[in-house]
Protein backbone atom coordinates (compact mmCIF):
# COMPACT_ATOMS: atom_id res chain seq x y z
CA MET A 1 -16.12 3.11 17.19
CA LYS A 2 -14.25 0.20 15.66
CA LYS A 3 -11.23 -1.51 17.16
CA VAL A 4 -9.11 -4.12 15.39
CA THR A 5 -5.92 -5.96 16.20
CA LEU A 6 -3.54 -6.53 13.30
CA GLY A 7 -2.48 -9.95 14.58
CA GLN A 8 -6.09 -11.20 14.49
CA LEU A 9 -6.97 -10.06 10.96
CA ALA A 10 -7.26 -12.37 7.97
CA ILE A 11 -4.48 -12.35 5.41
CA GLU A 12 -5.73 -11.47 1.92
CA PRO A 13 -4.16 -11.03 -1.53
CA VAL A 14 -3.44 -7.55 -2.89
CA SER A 15 -5.53 -6.90 -6.01
CA HIS A 16 -2.56 -5.75 -8.14
CA ASN A 17 -0.53 -8.92 -7.37
CA PRO A 18 -2.22 -11.80 -5.50
CA ALA A 19 1.19 -13.10 -4.35
CA ILE A 20 1.54 -9.97 -2.17
CA LYS A 21 -0.42 -10.29 1.07
CA LYS A 22 -2.27 -7.67 3.11
CA GLN A 23 -4.37 -7.28 6.22
CA VAL A 24 -7.26 -4.83 6.01
CA MET A 25 -7.91 -2.87 9.21
CA LEU A 26 -10.70 -0.64 7.87
CA ARG A 27 -12.80 -1.01 4.73
CA SER A 28 -14.99 1.19 2.57
CA GLY A 29 -18.00 2.26 4.61
CA ASP A 30 -16.20 2.19 7.98
CA LEU A 31 -15.38 5.92 7.73
CA PRO A 32 -16.52 8.61 5.27
CA HIS A 33 -14.32 8.79 2.12
CA LEU A 34 -12.08 5.92 3.27
CA THR A 35 -11.63 3.07 0.79
CA ASN A 36 -9.30 1.01 2.98
CA PHE A 37 -6.65 1.13 5.70
CA SER A 38 -4.32 -1.82 5.26
CA GLN A 39 -0.85 -3.21 5.72
CA ALA A 40 0.83 -5.10 2.87
CA SER A 41 3.92 -7.31 2.95
CA PHE A 42 6.11 -7.60 -0.15
CA GLN A 43 8.67 -10.38 -0.29
CA PRO A 44 12.02 -9.58 -1.97
CA GLY A 45 11.47 -8.98 -5.69
CA GLN A 46 7.68 -8.71 -5.50
CA ILE A 47 6.01 -5.97 -7.52
CA ALA A 48 2.59 -4.35 -7.36
CA GLN A 49 2.27 -3.59 -11.07
CA ALA A 50 1.82 -0.03 -12.33
CA HIS A 51 -1.72 1.25 -11.99
CA ALA A 52 -3.66 4.45 -11.32
CA HIS A 53 -6.93 5.28 -9.61
CA ALA A 54 -9.27 7.82 -11.20
CA ASP A 55 -11.23 8.58 -8.04
CA MET A 56 -8.90 7.79 -5.14
CA CYS A 57 -5.81 9.15 -3.38
CA GLU A 58 -3.48 6.72 -1.60
CA VAL A 59 -1.04 7.35 1.22
CA PHE A 60 1.79 4.89 1.89
CA LEU A 61 4.01 4.71 4.99
CA VAL A 62 7.02 2.39 4.95
CA ALA A 63 6.89 0.41 8.20
CA SER A 64 9.99 -1.65 7.41
CA GLY A 65 12.19 -2.84 4.57
CA GLU A 66 13.22 -1.04 1.43
CA GLY A 67 12.14 -0.72 -2.14
CA ILE A 68 11.14 1.76 -4.78
CA MET A 69 7.92 3.40 -5.91
CA VAL A 70 7.78 4.66 -9.49
CA ILE A 71 5.21 7.46 -9.86
CA ASP A 72 4.57 8.73 -13.38
CA GLY A 73 8.04 7.52 -14.42
CA GLU A 74 9.93 9.05 -11.48
CA THR A 75 11.60 6.65 -9.03
CA HIS A 76 11.34 7.26 -5.27
CA ALA A 77 13.28 5.33 -2.62
CA LEU A 78 11.20 3.53 0.01
CA THR A 79 12.88 3.19 3.40
CA GLN A 80 11.48 2.95 6.91
CA GLY A 81 9.56 6.10 7.84
CA VAL A 82 9.07 7.42 4.30
CA CYS A 83 5.51 8.57 3.53
CA ILE A 84 4.30 9.05 -0.04
CA ALA A 85 0.90 10.37 -1.15
CA VAL A 86 -0.34 9.49 -4.64
CA THR A 87 -3.10 11.60 -6.17
CA PRO A 88 -5.83 10.47 -8.57
CA GLY A 89 -4.52 9.60 -12.03
CA GLU A 90 -0.88 9.20 -10.99
CA MET A 91 0.50 5.91 -12.31
CA HIS A 92 2.35 4.11 -9.50
CA GLU A 93 4.21 0.84 -9.04
CA VAL A 94 5.86 -0.59 -5.91
CA THR A 95 8.83 -2.98 -5.93
CA ASN A 96 10.67 -4.60 -3.03
CA THR A 97 14.30 -4.15 -4.05
CA GLY A 98 15.69 -5.26 -0.69
CA LYS A 99 16.66 -8.61 0.82
CA GLU A 100 14.04 -8.42 3.56
CA GLU A 101 10.26 -8.05 3.59
CA LEU A 102 8.94 -4.60 2.62
CA VAL A 103 5.96 -3.65 4.80
CA LEU A 104 3.70 -0.75 3.75
CA THR A 105 0.87 0.65 5.83
CA TYR A 106 -1.49 2.50 3.51
CA PHE A 107 -4.95 3.97 3.08
CA GLY A 108 -7.11 5.24 0.26
CA LEU A 109 -9.50 8.19 0.17
CA LYS A 110 -12.30 8.67 -2.37
CA VAL A 111 -12.27 12.07 -4.02
């Protein structure tokens, strides 16, 4: 069993854009197949540059704010409550297109 409180976690940079900040609730090794369970905050205009993972799926849930996610060239709106799953090899990029903070809760699974 592991219990964490979001408000007590360290704030870290996101690997795809160090200006974007995240808090990691669970890390690789905490649960089988899990690479991370985190929450990231994007300020207006911030972008997590396009990238893909060869051996990992990612699931994103929009906690608040708005933006877009481009997956293999197709644009998807991000609004509160939207959940998007990205499979291995899919190129994806996240942009906060709104005037408020975009908050994504997400996790990765090794395949």
